[in-house]
Amino acid sequence: MNVAPQMPVAIAGSSFFIMMWNLFCGFLIYRKDIKGWYLEAYYANPITYVIYGCVTTQMGDLTDTSIAVTGGSTVTVAQYLEDTFSYKYSMRGWLVLILVAFIAAVRAMAYLGLTRLNFQRR
């Protein structure tokens, strides 16, 4: 809202970003199934890191709990997360740093939009 001259432009822009973030966050399409340059949209998505962090911190250390997967075999929950989603439990610290960087970037963009951009006509 701070970098758009009018409210409808800001709403359209935010709707586009939310739609793209939902599509490329790894929830609808797994990371290993995303092709080509679309993988950059996956890595530039803050929702990706929120889902990654929540799933990893809650279930990434369950090495003593086994689940049955298709084919009749059993694997641990941690191994299933690593095989299916490529989520590693050791990435928790990096996830926090990445999310703090996203927050700082959005705050800096809002600050610059409020202080440097002037859409008033006189």
Protein backbone atom coordinates (compact mmCIF):
# COMPACT_ATOMS: atom_id res chain seq x y z
CA MET A 1 0.00 0.00 0.00
CA ASN A 2 2.92 2.35 0.58
CA VAL A 3 4.39 2.00 -2.91
CA ALA A 4 1.19 2.21 -4.99
CA PRO A 5 -0.41 5.51 -6.00
CA GLN A 6 -4.01 4.32 -5.63
CA MET A 7 -5.87 1.79 -3.51
CA PRO A 8 -7.09 -0.40 -6.44
CA VAL A 9 -3.52 -0.73 -7.73
CA ALA A 10 -2.34 -1.78 -4.27
CA ILE A 11 -5.16 -4.32 -3.94
CA ALA A 12 -4.45 -5.80 -7.38
CA GLY A 13 -0.73 -6.02 -6.65
CA SER A 14 -1.20 -7.65 -3.27
CA SER A 15 -3.74 -10.09 -4.71
CA PHE A 16 -1.23 -11.11 -7.37
CA PHE A 17 1.54 -11.67 -4.81
CA ILE A 18 -0.71 -13.67 -2.50
CA MET A 19 -1.91 -15.85 -5.39
CA MET A 20 1.65 -16.53 -6.55
CA TRP A 21 2.87 -17.18 -3.00
CA ASN A 22 0.08 -19.71 -2.45
CA LEU A 23 0.86 -21.45 -5.72
CA PHE A 24 4.64 -21.69 -5.25
CA CYS A 25 4.90 -22.24 -1.48
CA GLY A 26 5.42 -25.98 -1.81
CA PHE A 27 2.04 -26.87 -0.36
CA LEU A 28 0.19 -27.42 -3.64
CA ILE A 29 3.23 -28.37 -5.74
CA TYR A 30 6.24 -30.03 -4.08
CA ARG A 31 9.65 -28.46 -4.60
CA LYS A 32 10.93 -31.43 -6.55
CA ASP A 33 7.94 -31.19 -8.93
CA ILE A 34 8.46 -27.50 -9.77
CA LYS A 35 10.25 -27.14 -13.10
CA GLY A 36 12.75 -24.68 -14.52
CA TRP A 37 12.90 -21.06 -13.53
CA TYR A 38 9.73 -21.44 -11.44
CA LEU A 39 12.00 -22.81 -8.73
CA GLU A 40 13.19 -19.24 -8.15
CA ALA A 41 9.61 -18.30 -7.30
CA TYR A 42 9.66 -21.09 -4.72
CA TYR A 43 12.82 -19.79 -3.06
CA ALA A 44 11.68 -16.13 -3.18
CA ASN A 45 8.50 -17.02 -1.31
CA PRO A 46 8.30 -16.27 2.44
CA ILE A 47 5.38 -18.67 2.91
CA THR A 48 7.71 -21.49 1.83
CA TYR A 49 9.96 -20.85 4.79
CA VAL A 50 7.06 -20.51 7.23
CA ILE A 51 5.66 -23.91 6.21
CA TYR A 52 9.16 -25.42 6.17
CA GLY A 53 9.86 -24.11 9.67
CA CYS A 54 6.54 -25.17 11.18
CA VAL A 55 6.67 -28.70 9.77
CA THR A 56 10.35 -29.17 10.59
CA THR A 57 10.17 -27.94 14.17
CA GLN A 58 7.05 -29.96 14.94
CA MET A 59 7.87 -33.24 13.21
CA GLY A 60 11.46 -33.11 12.00
CA ASP A 61 12.95 -34.67 15.12
CA LEU A 62 10.61 -37.69 15.27
CA THR A 63 13.22 -40.33 14.55
CA ASP A 64 11.64 -42.96 16.81
CA THR A 65 8.15 -42.82 15.27
CA SER A 66 7.54 -44.88 12.14
CA ILE A 67 4.79 -44.46 9.58
CA ALA A 68 3.61 -46.74 6.78
CA VAL A 69 4.07 -45.41 3.27
CA THR A 70 2.77 -46.65 -0.03
CA GLY A 71 4.38 -49.90 -1.04
CA GLY A 72 4.09 -51.46 2.40
CA SER A 73 7.35 -50.16 3.85
CA THR A 74 7.75 -48.14 7.03
CA VAL A 75 10.01 -45.11 7.51
CA THR A 76 10.54 -42.64 10.31
CA VAL A 77 8.70 -39.34 10.18
CA ALA A 78 11.96 -37.41 9.83
CA GLN A 79 13.06 -39.58 6.91
CA TYR A 80 9.64 -39.21 5.25
CA LEU A 81 9.88 -35.41 5.49
CA GLU A 82 13.35 -35.46 3.98
CA ASP A 83 12.41 -37.86 1.16
CA THR A 84 9.06 -36.30 0.24
CA PHE A 85 9.51 -32.57 0.90
CA SER A 86 13.34 -32.29 1.18
CA TYR A 87 12.90 -30.79 4.68
CA LYS A 88 16.00 -31.08 6.85
CA TYR A 89 15.81 -30.61 10.61
CA SER A 90 19.24 -28.94 10.66
CA MET A 91 17.93 -25.97 8.63
CA ARG A 92 15.97 -24.44 11.54
CA GLY A 93 18.49 -21.69 12.26
CA TRP A 94 18.74 -20.69 8.61
CA LEU A 95 14.95 -20.54 8.36
CA VAL A 96 14.80 -18.02 11.18
CA LEU A 97 17.46 -15.87 9.53
CA ILE A 98 15.71 -16.03 6.16
CA LEU A 99 12.37 -15.01 7.68
CA VAL A 100 13.99 -12.13 9.59
CA ALA A 101 15.56 -10.98 6.30
CA PHE A 102 12.14 -11.06 4.59
CA ILE A 103 10.64 -9.01 7.43
CA ALA A 104 13.49 -6.48 7.26
CA ALA A 105 13.14 -6.18 3.47
CA VAL A 106 9.38 -5.56 3.65
CA ARG A 107 9.83 -3.03 6.46
CA ALA A 108 12.57 -1.22 4.51
CA MET A 109 10.39 -1.12 1.40
CA ALA A 110 7.48 0.30 3.42
CA TYR A 111 9.75 2.91 5.01
CA LEU A 112 11.14 3.98 1.66
CA GLY A 113 7.65 4.09 0.21
CA LEU A 114 6.42 6.33 3.01
CA THR A 115 9.40 8.67 3.06
CA ARG A 116 10.52 8.91 -0.58
CA LEU A 117 7.40 8.43 -2.69
CA ASN A 118 4.90 11.25 -2.90
CA PHE A 119 1.80 10.67 -5.00
CA GLN A 120 0.08 13.97 -4.18
CA ARG A 121 -0.57 16.38 -7.01
CA ARG A 122 -0.72 20.11 -6.32
